[in-house]
Amino acid sequence: MINQENSQLSSITINGHQFTYDIHGEADGPALLLLSGWCQDHRLFNHVVKPLAEQHKVIRLNWRGHSDPERPPGDFGVSEQADDVIAVLNALDIQKVIPVSTSHGGWANIEICQRLGTARAPQTVVIDWILIEAGAAFIKDLQDIQNPEDWVTGRQSLFDHWLGISTDLAVIDHMNKEMASFGFDMWERSCRVIENAYGTWGSPLERMGALDPQRPIVHIYSQAAAAGYEEMQQTFKEKHPWFDFKHIPGKTHFPTLESPDAVANLINDFVSQLR
């Protein structure tokens, strides 16, 4: 059954699939479109919606198959995610948006921006997206999760890395209750799509660099992926002045839960540059 909290959301059927969403705020200007990573839903943004909605119209939209973890939606990937989001925006008559994605929702975010162009998607925000090339340990976790015998162990390896040394209960509940509510079907698909994305593009930085036309992009993150992570982003920024990055001191991979006010402030500051 659909999450009890999802019963409070609006729903719309697009491309033969049900999508759940909610809208907060009534401000003019581009709407902020909040998109989670795989095996997550709108609850990832529970604590940033209110401060963002004070200045913007804010839409939380769940991906295909993410409103009901117990109902497999059939296979899909980044292309279908972009198809779905744009169709929902059209159905809701949302003319201009600033996509705000977390983690590997970034791959679909950039595809959405590519298709919408700068007139309709003039800026975008990516949050805690692992921007480096995928390392051997990460690839192993992705591949283990695609194996029905090893997927729970592989998922736990990711959970352990994402949590780090934190004891933040909101983050622990998000992983162990919300993300863990998705079964092998969605986890296998997500890791296959993510692995293929790295194989195609090399890294998220390369994917963003291929976006045409370019537009302002900011990466907000709290959990550094490796030594030299900030320096790598600074080098990319010097070559691509449309890119910026903002670090929030934190211990986990989930700054919207761990540091929601800081995330909201950075998004508001970034969007205000356009105005």
Protein backbone atom coordinates (compact mmCIF):
# COMPACT_ATOMS: atom_id res chain seq x y z
CA MET A 1 0.00 0.00 0.00
CA ILE A 2 1.05 3.60 -0.50
CA ASN A 3 2.80 5.18 2.49
CA GLN A 4 0.27 6.54 4.97
CA GLU A 5 1.83 9.99 4.66
CA ASN A 6 1.54 9.70 0.87
CA SER A 7 -2.24 9.63 1.33
CA GLN A 8 -1.96 13.33 2.13
CA LEU A 9 -0.34 14.02 -1.23
CA SER A 10 -2.01 14.78 -4.52
CA SER A 11 -1.69 12.20 -7.26
CA ILE A 12 -1.65 12.27 -11.03
CA THR A 13 -1.39 9.52 -13.63
CA ILE A 14 1.22 10.09 -16.33
CA ASN A 15 2.59 7.60 -18.86
CA GLY A 16 0.49 4.90 -17.22
CA HIS A 17 2.03 5.43 -13.78
CA GLN A 18 0.79 7.17 -10.63
CA PHE A 19 2.87 10.06 -9.32
CA THR A 20 2.39 11.69 -5.94
CA TYR A 21 3.37 15.26 -5.18
CA ASP A 22 2.61 18.28 -3.07
CA ILE A 23 2.96 22.01 -3.57
CA HIS A 24 3.86 24.59 -0.92
CA GLY A 25 4.01 28.36 -1.23
CA GLU A 26 2.56 30.73 -3.79
CA ALA A 27 5.47 32.99 -4.71
CA ASP A 28 6.00 34.18 -8.26
CA GLY A 29 9.05 33.16 -10.22
CA PRO A 30 10.42 29.71 -11.02
CA ALA A 31 9.11 26.91 -8.83
CA LEU A 32 11.61 24.82 -6.90
CA LEU A 33 11.20 21.18 -7.95
CA LEU A 34 12.53 18.89 -5.20
CA LEU A 35 13.67 15.50 -6.50
CA SER A 36 15.10 12.83 -4.21
CA GLY A 37 17.66 10.19 -5.00
CA TRP A 38 16.68 6.60 -5.79
CA CYS A 39 14.88 4.60 -3.08
CA GLN A 40 13.90 7.83 -1.31
CA ASP A 41 10.80 9.98 -1.43
CA HIS A 42 9.42 13.42 -0.56
CA ARG A 43 10.07 12.91 3.17
CA LEU A 44 13.76 13.61 2.54
CA PHE A 45 12.69 17.28 2.21
CA ASN A 46 10.35 17.49 5.19
CA HIS A 47 12.54 20.00 7.03
CA VAL A 48 13.47 22.27 4.12
CA VAL A 49 10.00 22.78 2.64
CA LYS A 50 8.83 25.44 5.09
CA PRO A 51 11.87 27.78 4.84
CA LEU A 52 11.94 27.40 1.06
CA ALA A 53 8.20 28.00 0.67
CA GLU A 54 8.50 31.36 2.39
CA GLN A 55 10.16 32.68 -0.78
CA HIS A 56 9.20 30.20 -3.53
CA LYS A 57 6.57 27.86 -4.82
CA VAL A 58 7.96 24.43 -3.89
CA ILE A 59 6.97 21.13 -5.49
CA ARG A 60 7.95 17.76 -4.02
CA LEU A 61 7.53 15.06 -6.67
CA ASN A 62 8.11 11.34 -6.17
CA TRP A 63 9.72 9.35 -8.95
CA ARG A 64 7.97 6.57 -10.84
CA GLY A 65 7.46 3.60 -8.54
CA HIS A 66 8.47 5.54 -5.43
CA SER A 67 4.99 6.24 -4.07
CA ASP A 68 4.38 2.56 -3.38
CA PRO A 69 7.53 0.55 -2.59
CA GLU A 70 5.59 -2.74 -2.70
CA ARG A 71 4.40 -2.32 -6.29
CA PRO A 72 7.15 -2.89 -8.91
CA PRO A 73 6.76 -0.31 -11.70
CA GLY A 74 8.59 -2.16 -14.48
CA ASP A 75 12.00 -1.17 -15.72
CA PHE A 76 12.99 2.47 -16.26
CA GLY A 77 16.00 4.73 -16.08
CA VAL A 78 17.16 8.32 -16.42
CA SER A 79 15.43 8.90 -19.76
CA GLU A 80 12.07 7.73 -18.42
CA GLN A 81 12.53 9.77 -15.25
CA ALA A 82 12.99 12.88 -17.37
CA ASP A 83 9.98 11.95 -19.51
CA ASP A 84 7.85 11.58 -16.40
CA VAL A 85 8.91 14.79 -14.70
CA ILE A 86 8.42 16.95 -17.77
CA ALA A 87 5.01 15.38 -18.41
CA VAL A 88 3.95 16.11 -14.82
CA LEU A 89 5.18 19.70 -15.08
CA ASN A 90 3.20 20.14 -18.30
CA ALA A 91 0.08 18.63 -16.76
CA LEU A 92 0.37 20.97 -13.76
CA ASP A 93 1.06 23.95 -16.04
CA ILE A 94 4.40 24.69 -14.35
CA GLN A 95 6.20 26.83 -16.89
CA LYS A 96 9.52 27.56 -15.21
CA VAL A 97 11.36 25.43 -12.65
CA ILE A 98 14.63 25.15 -10.80
CA PRO A 99 15.25 21.42 -10.25
CA VAL A 100 16.80 20.61 -6.86
CA SER A 101 18.01 17.02 -6.74
CA THR A 102 19.77 14.91 -4.13
CA SER A 103 22.40 12.24 -4.64
CA HIS A 104 22.02 10.28 -7.90
CA GLY A 105 18.76 12.00 -8.71
CA GLY A 106 21.29 14.37 -10.26
CA TRP A 107 21.59 12.27 -13.41
CA ALA A 108 17.89 12.78 -14.19
CA ASN A 109 18.09 16.41 -13.04
CA ILE A 110 20.68 17.24 -15.70
CA GLU A 111 18.72 15.34 -18.35
CA ILE A 112 15.61 17.33 -17.42
CA CYS A 113 17.56 20.59 -17.70
CA GLN A 114 18.94 19.51 -21.07
CA ARG A 115 15.46 18.94 -22.43
CA LEU A 116 13.81 22.01 -20.91
CA GLY A 117 16.51 24.48 -21.93
CA THR A 118 17.49 27.58 -20.02
CA ALA A 119 14.27 29.45 -20.72
CA ARG A 120 12.30 26.94 -18.69
CA ALA A 121 15.01 25.65 -16.31
CA PRO A 122 17.34 28.63 -15.81
CA GLN A 123 19.26 27.23 -12.83
CA THR A 124 19.67 23.95 -11.02
CA VAL A 125 20.84 22.65 -7.64
CA VAL A 126 22.47 19.29 -6.94
CA ILE A 127 22.87 18.13 -3.36
CA ASP A 128 25.50 15.67 -2.14
CA TRP A 129 26.05 14.09 -5.55
CA ILE A 130 29.26 12.03 -5.63
CA LEU A 131 31.07 14.08 -8.28
CA ILE A 132 34.22 11.99 -8.61
CA GLU A 133 34.64 8.97 -10.87
CA ALA A 134 33.26 5.85 -9.24
CA GLY A 135 35.88 3.99 -7.21
CA ALA A 136 36.28 0.23 -7.02
CA ALA A 137 34.61 -0.06 -3.59
CA PHE A 138 31.57 1.94 -4.71
CA ILE A 139 31.23 -0.09 -7.92
CA LYS A 140 31.41 -3.29 -5.88
CA ASP A 141 28.57 -2.09 -3.65
CA LEU A 142 26.51 -1.19 -6.72
CA GLN A 143 27.14 -4.60 -8.25
CA ASP A 144 26.48 -6.48 -5.01
CA ILE A 145 23.10 -4.78 -4.74
CA GLN A 146 22.26 -6.05 -8.23
CA ASN A 147 22.78 -9.62 -6.96
CA PRO A 148 19.75 -11.09 -5.16
CA GLU A 149 22.05 -12.99 -2.78
CA ASP A 150 24.24 -10.03 -1.81
CA TRP A 151 22.00 -7.01 -2.14
CA VAL A 152 21.21 -6.48 1.55
CA THR A 153 24.92 -6.63 2.46
CA GLY A 154 25.76 -4.21 -0.36
CA ARG A 155 23.03 -1.82 0.72
CA GLN A 156 24.25 -1.89 4.31
CA SER A 157 27.74 -1.03 3.11
CA LEU A 158 26.33 2.11 1.47
CA PHE A 159 24.28 2.93 4.57
CA ASP A 160 27.37 2.65 6.76
CA HIS A 161 29.31 4.99 4.50
CA TRP A 162 26.49 7.51 4.21
CA LEU A 163 25.96 7.64 7.98
CA GLY A 164 29.66 7.87 8.82
CA ILE A 165 30.18 8.40 12.53
CA SER A 166 26.91 10.26 13.00
CA THR A 167 24.21 9.19 15.46
CA ASP A 168 21.59 11.50 13.90
CA LEU A 169 18.26 9.77 14.48
CA ALA A 170 16.55 11.48 11.53
CA VAL A 171 19.19 10.11 9.18
CA ILE A 172 19.14 6.64 10.75
CA ASP A 173 15.34 6.48 10.49
CA HIS A 174 15.48 7.71 6.90
CA MET A 175 17.79 4.87 5.91
CA ASN A 176 16.46 2.04 8.07
CA LYS A 177 12.75 2.81 7.68
CA GLU A 178 12.21 4.86 4.53
CA MET A 179 14.99 3.73 2.19
CA ALA A 180 14.86 0.16 3.49
CA SER A 181 11.15 -0.03 2.65
CA PHE A 182 12.14 -0.41 -0.99
CA GLY A 183 12.88 -3.99 -1.98
CA PHE A 184 15.34 -5.69 -4.29
CA ASP A 185 13.46 -4.64 -7.43
CA MET A 186 14.05 -0.91 -6.94
CA TRP A 187 17.49 -1.21 -5.39
CA GLU A 188 18.72 -3.45 -8.21
CA ARG A 189 17.37 -1.06 -10.82
CA SER A 190 18.78 2.02 -9.14
CA CYS A 191 22.28 0.59 -8.81
CA ARG A 192 22.25 -0.65 -12.40
CA VAL A 193 21.18 2.77 -13.66
CA ILE A 194 23.78 4.55 -11.52
CA GLU A 195 26.56 2.19 -12.58
CA ASN A 196 25.63 2.68 -16.23
CA ALA A 197 25.61 6.46 -15.77
CA TYR A 198 29.17 6.44 -14.44
CA GLY A 199 30.16 4.11 -17.26
CA THR A 200 28.68 6.46 -19.83
CA TRP A 201 29.86 9.81 -18.44
CA GLY A 202 32.83 9.00 -16.23
CA SER A 203 31.66 11.38 -13.51
CA PRO A 204 28.82 13.79 -12.70
CA LEU A 205 31.19 16.68 -13.41
CA GLU A 206 31.63 15.41 -16.96
CA ARG A 207 27.85 15.11 -17.30
CA MET A 208 27.32 18.67 -16.12
CA GLY A 209 30.09 19.87 -18.41
CA ALA A 210 28.24 18.36 -21.38
CA LEU A 211 25.00 20.21 -20.59
CA ASP A 212 24.11 22.45 -23.52
CA PRO A 213 23.21 25.21 -23.08
CA GLN A 214 24.91 25.82 -19.76
CA ARG A 215 23.23 27.50 -16.81
CA PRO A 216 24.19 28.27 -13.18
CA ILE A 217 24.60 25.07 -11.15
CA VAL A 218 25.48 24.85 -7.47
CA HIS A 219 26.53 21.70 -5.63
CA ILE A 220 25.62 21.71 -1.93
CA TYR A 221 27.24 18.94 0.07
CA SER A 222 28.24 17.90 3.56
CA GLN A 223 30.03 14.56 3.20
CA ALA A 224 33.27 14.88 1.23
CA ALA A 225 33.83 11.87 -1.03
CA ALA A 226 37.64 11.83 -0.83
CA ALA A 227 40.71 13.88 -0.01
CA GLY A 228 41.03 16.78 -2.41
CA TYR A 229 37.30 16.88 -3.13
CA GLU A 230 37.04 20.65 -2.64
CA GLU A 231 40.15 21.27 -4.75
CA MET A 232 38.72 19.14 -7.56
CA GLN A 233 35.51 21.19 -7.58
CA GLN A 234 37.50 24.44 -7.48
CA THR A 235 39.49 23.37 -10.55
CA PHE A 236 36.25 22.54 -12.36
CA LYS A 237 34.77 25.90 -11.32
CA GLU A 238 37.77 27.79 -12.72
CA LYS A 239 37.19 26.14 -16.11
CA HIS A 240 33.38 26.40 -15.90
CA PRO A 241 32.37 29.65 -14.15
CA TRP A 242 28.70 28.69 -14.25
CA PHE A 243 29.45 26.03 -11.60
CA ASP A 244 29.76 26.67 -7.88
CA PHE A 245 29.93 24.54 -4.75
CA LYS A 246 29.03 25.10 -1.11
CA HIS A 247 30.16 22.89 1.75
CA ILE A 248 28.05 22.49 4.88
CA PRO A 249 29.95 21.04 7.84
CA GLY A 250 28.26 17.73 8.54
CA LYS A 251 28.83 14.04 9.08
CA THR A 252 26.34 12.36 6.74
CA HIS A 253 25.24 12.09 3.12
CA PHE A 254 21.88 13.71 3.94
CA PRO A 255 22.24 17.46 4.59
CA THR A 256 18.51 18.10 4.00
CA LEU A 257 17.94 16.08 7.19
CA GLU A 258 21.09 16.91 9.11
CA SER A 259 21.37 20.64 8.28
CA PRO A 260 18.05 21.71 6.71
CA ASP A 261 18.25 25.42 7.56
CA ALA A 262 21.72 25.71 6.05
CA VAL A 263 20.56 23.92 2.89
CA ALA A 264 17.50 26.16 2.56
CA ASN A 265 19.58 29.31 3.08
CA LEU A 266 22.07 28.29 0.39
CA ILE A 267 19.29 27.48 -2.07
CA ASN A 268 17.57 30.79 -1.38
CA ASP A 269 20.84 32.68 -1.86
CA PHE A 270 21.56 30.87 -5.10
CA VAL A 271 18.11 31.47 -6.58
CA SER A 272 18.22 35.13 -5.57
CA GLN A 273 21.17 35.61 -7.94
CA LEU A 274 18.82 34.99 -10.85
CA ARG A 275 16.36 37.59 -9.61
